[in-house]
Amino acid sequence: MDRSARLQSARVWLKTYNGKSIAAGYRRHFGVDWICAFRELEMLGIRIDSAYKDQILKSVEGHMAAQKRRKARWQETYEEPFDQDEHFAYIAGYTESGFAYGITWEEWGRLDQRDFLDPHRDSNNTSDDESQELPF
């Protein structure tokens, strides 16, 4: 809903609103942010206590700053997963000409996934704690 339609609808909504905080109710009902809710309520002739408005706006500002800090912290610690595309399941690098090399999806499917869990495992030993019987 654009602003003009929202303001027109708000005139009817205001007559039926029974809540405690008209700004919070307006914000929730019309799905707008605090700044928009305050501005539009003032356009409709509703007086809002300036101390309340300042308190809410400072709170919103602090919340936005905290989100930015969390995002920055996350970006500092985030590691890109290894490269892959439609041909390679794992791209180890690129040649000087720009061609990728690594493990293809077909090779990936043939790999024994246990090798990734224990790279020092003897691939000839398939027992996994079972007793082996000799064929003779």
C-alpha atoms as a PDB file:
ATOM      1  CA  MET A   1       0.000   0.000   0.000  1.00  0.00           C
ATOM      2  CA  ASP A   2       1.434   3.378  -0.885  1.00  0.00           C
ATOM      3  CA  ARG A   3       1.343   6.348   1.468  1.00  0.00           C
ATOM      4  CA  SER A   4      -1.806   8.010   0.088  1.00  0.00           C
ATOM      5  CA  ALA A   5      -3.805   4.774   0.285  1.00  0.00           C
ATOM      6  CA  ARG A   6      -2.398   4.058   3.746  1.00  0.00           C
ATOM      7  CA  LEU A   7      -3.368   7.504   5.019  1.00  0.00           C
ATOM      8  CA  GLN A   8      -6.874   7.102   3.648  1.00  0.00           C
ATOM      9  CA  SER A   9      -7.229   3.676   5.259  1.00  0.00           C
ATOM     10  CA  ALA A  10      -5.689   4.945   8.502  1.00  0.00           C
ATOM     11  CA  ARG A  11      -8.500   7.460   9.009  1.00  0.00           C
ATOM     12  CA  VAL A  12     -10.966   4.571   9.320  1.00  0.00           C
ATOM     13  CA  TRP A  13      -8.529   2.447  11.341  1.00  0.00           C
ATOM     14  CA  LEU A  14      -7.931   5.236  13.889  1.00  0.00           C
ATOM     15  CA  LYS A  15     -11.639   5.333  14.781  1.00  0.00           C
ATOM     16  CA  THR A  16     -11.594   1.640  15.740  1.00  0.00           C
ATOM     17  CA  TYR A  17      -8.156   1.438  17.417  1.00  0.00           C
ATOM     18  CA  ASN A  18      -8.365   0.519  21.119  1.00  0.00           C
ATOM     19  CA  GLY A  19      -4.713  -0.236  21.958  1.00  0.00           C
ATOM     20  CA  LYS A  20      -2.357   1.556  24.323  1.00  0.00           C
ATOM     21  CA  SER A  21       0.286   2.817  21.881  1.00  0.00           C
ATOM     22  CA  ILE A  22      -1.151   4.225  18.693  1.00  0.00           C
ATOM     23  CA  ALA A  23       2.278   4.444  17.022  1.00  0.00           C
ATOM     24  CA  ALA A  24       3.092   0.792  17.737  1.00  0.00           C
ATOM     25  CA  GLY A  25      -0.362  -0.270  16.605  1.00  0.00           C
ATOM     26  CA  TYR A  26      -0.094   1.769  13.401  1.00  0.00           C
ATOM     27  CA  ARG A  27       3.345   0.343  12.713  1.00  0.00           C
ATOM     28  CA  ARG A  28       2.160  -3.249  13.128  1.00  0.00           C
ATOM     29  CA  HIS A  29      -1.131  -2.823  11.305  1.00  0.00           C
ATOM     30  CA  PHE A  30       0.303  -1.123   8.226  1.00  0.00           C
ATOM     31  CA  GLY A  31       3.718  -2.830   8.234  1.00  0.00           C
ATOM     32  CA  VAL A  32       5.809   0.323   8.299  1.00  0.00           C
ATOM     33  CA  ASP A  33       8.867   1.324  10.308  1.00  0.00           C
ATOM     34  CA  TRP A  34       8.802   3.665  13.300  1.00  0.00           C
ATOM     35  CA  ILE A  35       9.872   6.753  11.376  1.00  0.00           C
ATOM     36  CA  CYS A  36       7.133   6.253   8.782  1.00  0.00           C
ATOM     37  CA  ALA A  37       4.539   5.558  11.489  1.00  0.00           C
ATOM     38  CA  PHE A  38       5.416   8.743  13.391  1.00  0.00           C
ATOM     39  CA  ARG A  39       5.452  10.847  10.224  1.00  0.00           C
ATOM     40  CA  GLU A  40       2.129   9.538   8.939  1.00  0.00           C
ATOM     41  CA  LEU A  41       0.395   9.826  12.298  1.00  0.00           C
ATOM     42  CA  GLU A  42       1.529  13.436  12.496  1.00  0.00           C
ATOM     43  CA  MET A  43       0.189  13.970   8.965  1.00  0.00           C
ATOM     44  CA  LEU A  44      -3.148  12.645  10.230  1.00  0.00           C
ATOM     45  CA  GLY A  45      -3.140  15.169  13.067  1.00  0.00           C
ATOM     46  CA  ILE A  46      -2.208  12.788  15.904  1.00  0.00           C
ATOM     47  CA  ARG A  47       0.068  14.374  18.498  1.00  0.00           C
ATOM     48  CA  ILE A  48       2.873  12.127  19.690  1.00  0.00           C
ATOM     49  CA  ASP A  49       4.841  12.823  22.858  1.00  0.00           C
ATOM     50  CA  SER A  50       8.301  13.979  21.752  1.00  0.00           C
ATOM     51  CA  ALA A  51      10.036  12.199  24.660  1.00  0.00           C
ATOM     52  CA  TYR A  52       8.372   8.899  23.641  1.00  0.00           C
ATOM     53  CA  LYS A  53       9.287   9.474  20.002  1.00  0.00           C
ATOM     54  CA  ASP A  54      12.925  10.279  20.876  1.00  0.00           C
ATOM     55  CA  GLN A  55      13.157   7.213  23.128  1.00  0.00           C
ATOM     56  CA  ILE A  56      11.847   4.890  20.395  1.00  0.00           C
ATOM     57  CA  LEU A  57      14.073   6.390  17.701  1.00  0.00           C
ATOM     58  CA  LYS A  58      17.166   6.078  19.933  1.00  0.00           C
ATOM     59  CA  SER A  59      16.249   2.459  20.631  1.00  0.00           C
ATOM     60  CA  VAL A  60      15.851   1.746  16.918  1.00  0.00           C
ATOM     61  CA  GLU A  61      19.169   3.477  16.220  1.00  0.00           C
ATOM     62  CA  GLY A  62      20.897   1.327  18.861  1.00  0.00           C
ATOM     63  CA  HIS A  63      19.319  -1.816  17.434  1.00  0.00           C
ATOM     64  CA  MET A  64      20.549  -0.957  13.931  1.00  0.00           C
ATOM     65  CA  ALA A  65      24.062  -0.260  15.230  1.00  0.00           C
ATOM     66  CA  ALA A  66      24.094  -3.611  17.048  1.00  0.00           C
ATOM     67  CA  GLN A  67      23.009  -5.375  13.855  1.00  0.00           C
ATOM     68  CA  LYS A  68      25.855  -3.727  11.937  1.00  0.00           C
ATOM     69  CA  ARG A  69      28.349  -4.807  14.621  1.00  0.00           C
ATOM     70  CA  ARG A  70      27.062  -8.400  14.519  1.00  0.00           C
ATOM     71  CA  LYS A  71      27.226  -8.453  10.724  1.00  0.00           C
ATOM     72  CA  ALA A  72      30.787  -7.059  10.731  1.00  0.00           C
ATOM     73  CA  ARG A  73      31.865  -9.628  13.341  1.00  0.00           C
ATOM     74  CA  TRP A  74      30.281 -12.429  11.307  1.00  0.00           C
ATOM     75  CA  GLN A  75      31.994 -11.267   8.099  1.00  0.00           C
ATOM     76  CA  GLU A  76      35.361 -11.232   9.879  1.00  0.00           C
ATOM     77  CA  THR A  77      35.009 -14.862  10.951  1.00  0.00           C
ATOM     78  CA  TYR A  78      33.147 -16.238   7.916  1.00  0.00           C
ATOM     79  CA  GLU A  79      35.175 -18.418   5.629  1.00  0.00           C
ATOM     80  CA  GLU A  80      34.017 -18.986   2.097  1.00  0.00           C
ATOM     81  CA  PRO A  81      33.254 -22.639   1.429  1.00  0.00           C
ATOM     82  CA  PHE A  82      35.517 -24.210  -1.137  1.00  0.00           C
ATOM     83  CA  ASP A  83      34.891 -23.340  -4.773  1.00  0.00           C
ATOM     84  CA  GLN A  84      32.760 -25.575  -6.944  1.00  0.00           C
ATOM     85  CA  ASP A  85      30.844 -25.322 -10.188  1.00  0.00           C
ATOM     86  CA  GLU A  86      28.847 -27.545 -12.538  1.00  0.00           C
ATOM     87  CA  HIS A  87      31.998 -29.496 -13.546  1.00  0.00           C
ATOM     88  CA  PHE A  88      34.065 -29.555 -10.356  1.00  0.00           C
ATOM     89  CA  ALA A  89      32.931 -30.604  -6.886  1.00  0.00           C
ATOM     90  CA  TYR A  90      36.124 -29.116  -5.461  1.00  0.00           C
ATOM     91  CA  ILE A  91      38.201 -26.526  -7.286  1.00  0.00           C
ATOM     92  CA  ALA A  92      41.763 -26.683  -6.009  1.00  0.00           C
ATOM     93  CA  GLY A  93      42.940 -23.749  -8.091  1.00  0.00           C
ATOM     94  CA  TYR A  94      43.177 -22.194 -11.500  1.00  0.00           C
ATOM     95  CA  THR A  95      45.800 -22.402 -14.230  1.00  0.00           C
ATOM     96  CA  GLU A  96      47.551 -19.293 -15.540  1.00  0.00           C
ATOM     97  CA  SER A  97      45.045 -19.343 -18.416  1.00  0.00           C
ATOM     98  CA  GLY A  98      42.147 -19.263 -15.954  1.00  0.00           C
ATOM     99  CA  PHE A  99      41.020 -22.886 -16.257  1.00  0.00           C
ATOM    100  CA  ALA A 100      39.894 -24.618 -13.086  1.00  0.00           C
ATOM    101  CA  TYR A 101      41.405 -27.852 -11.837  1.00  0.00           C
ATOM    102  CA  GLY A 102      40.378 -30.089  -8.991  1.00  0.00           C
ATOM    103  CA  ILE A 103      38.017 -32.996  -8.319  1.00  0.00           C
ATOM    104  CA  THR A 104      35.174 -33.510 -10.764  1.00  0.00           C
ATOM    105  CA  TRP A 105      31.690 -34.479  -9.611  1.00  0.00           C
ATOM    106  CA  GLU A 106      32.228 -37.954 -11.066  1.00  0.00           C
ATOM    107  CA  GLU A 107      35.453 -38.411  -9.115  1.00  0.00           C
ATOM    108  CA  TRP A 108      33.765 -37.029  -6.018  1.00  0.00           C
ATOM    109  CA  GLY A 109      31.091 -39.702  -6.271  1.00  0.00           C
ATOM    110  CA  ARG A 110      33.739 -42.442  -6.464  1.00  0.00           C
ATOM    111  CA  LEU A 111      35.731 -41.163  -3.487  1.00  0.00           C
ATOM    112  CA  ASP A 112      35.453 -43.045  -0.252  1.00  0.00           C
ATOM    113  CA  GLN A 113      34.044 -40.385   2.067  1.00  0.00           C
ATOM    114  CA  ARG A 114      35.822 -42.008   5.017  1.00  0.00           C
ATOM    115  CA  ASP A 115      39.096 -40.705   3.561  1.00  0.00           C
ATOM    116  CA  PHE A 116      37.981 -37.201   4.478  1.00  0.00           C
ATOM    117  CA  LEU A 117      37.291 -38.185   8.063  1.00  0.00           C
ATOM    118  CA  ASP A 118      40.676 -39.887   8.582  1.00  0.00           C
ATOM    119  CA  PRO A 119      43.169 -39.026   5.820  1.00  0.00           C
ATOM    120  CA  HIS A 120      45.814 -41.313   7.403  1.00  0.00           C
ATOM    121  CA  ARG A 121      43.550 -44.362   7.235  1.00  0.00           C
ATOM    122  CA  ASP A 122      44.953 -47.321   5.323  1.00  0.00           C
ATOM    123  CA  SER A 123      42.662 -47.630   2.312  1.00  0.00           C
ATOM    124  CA  ASN A 124      43.590 -51.327   1.972  1.00  0.00           C
ATOM    125  CA  ASN A 125      42.229 -52.050   5.437  1.00  0.00           C
ATOM    126  CA  THR A 126      38.452 -52.365   5.105  1.00  0.00           C
ATOM    127  CA  SER A 127      37.757 -54.162   8.352  1.00  0.00           C
ATOM    128  CA  ASP A 128      36.541 -51.358  10.650  1.00  0.00           C
ATOM    129  CA  ASP A 129      37.108 -53.410  13.829  1.00  0.00           C
ATOM    130  CA  GLU A 130      35.876 -56.667  12.284  1.00  0.00           C
ATOM    131  CA  SER A 131      37.971 -59.786  12.273  1.00  0.00           C
ATOM    132  CA  GLN A 132      39.296 -60.616   8.835  1.00  0.00           C
ATOM    133  CA  GLU A 133      39.380 -64.163   7.580  1.00  0.00           C
ATOM    134  CA  LEU A 134      42.101 -65.168   5.240  1.00  0.00           C
ATOM    135  CA  PRO A 135      40.911 -66.766   1.980  1.00  0.00           C
ATOM    136  CA  PHE A 136      43.051 -69.960   2.484  1.00  0.00           C
END
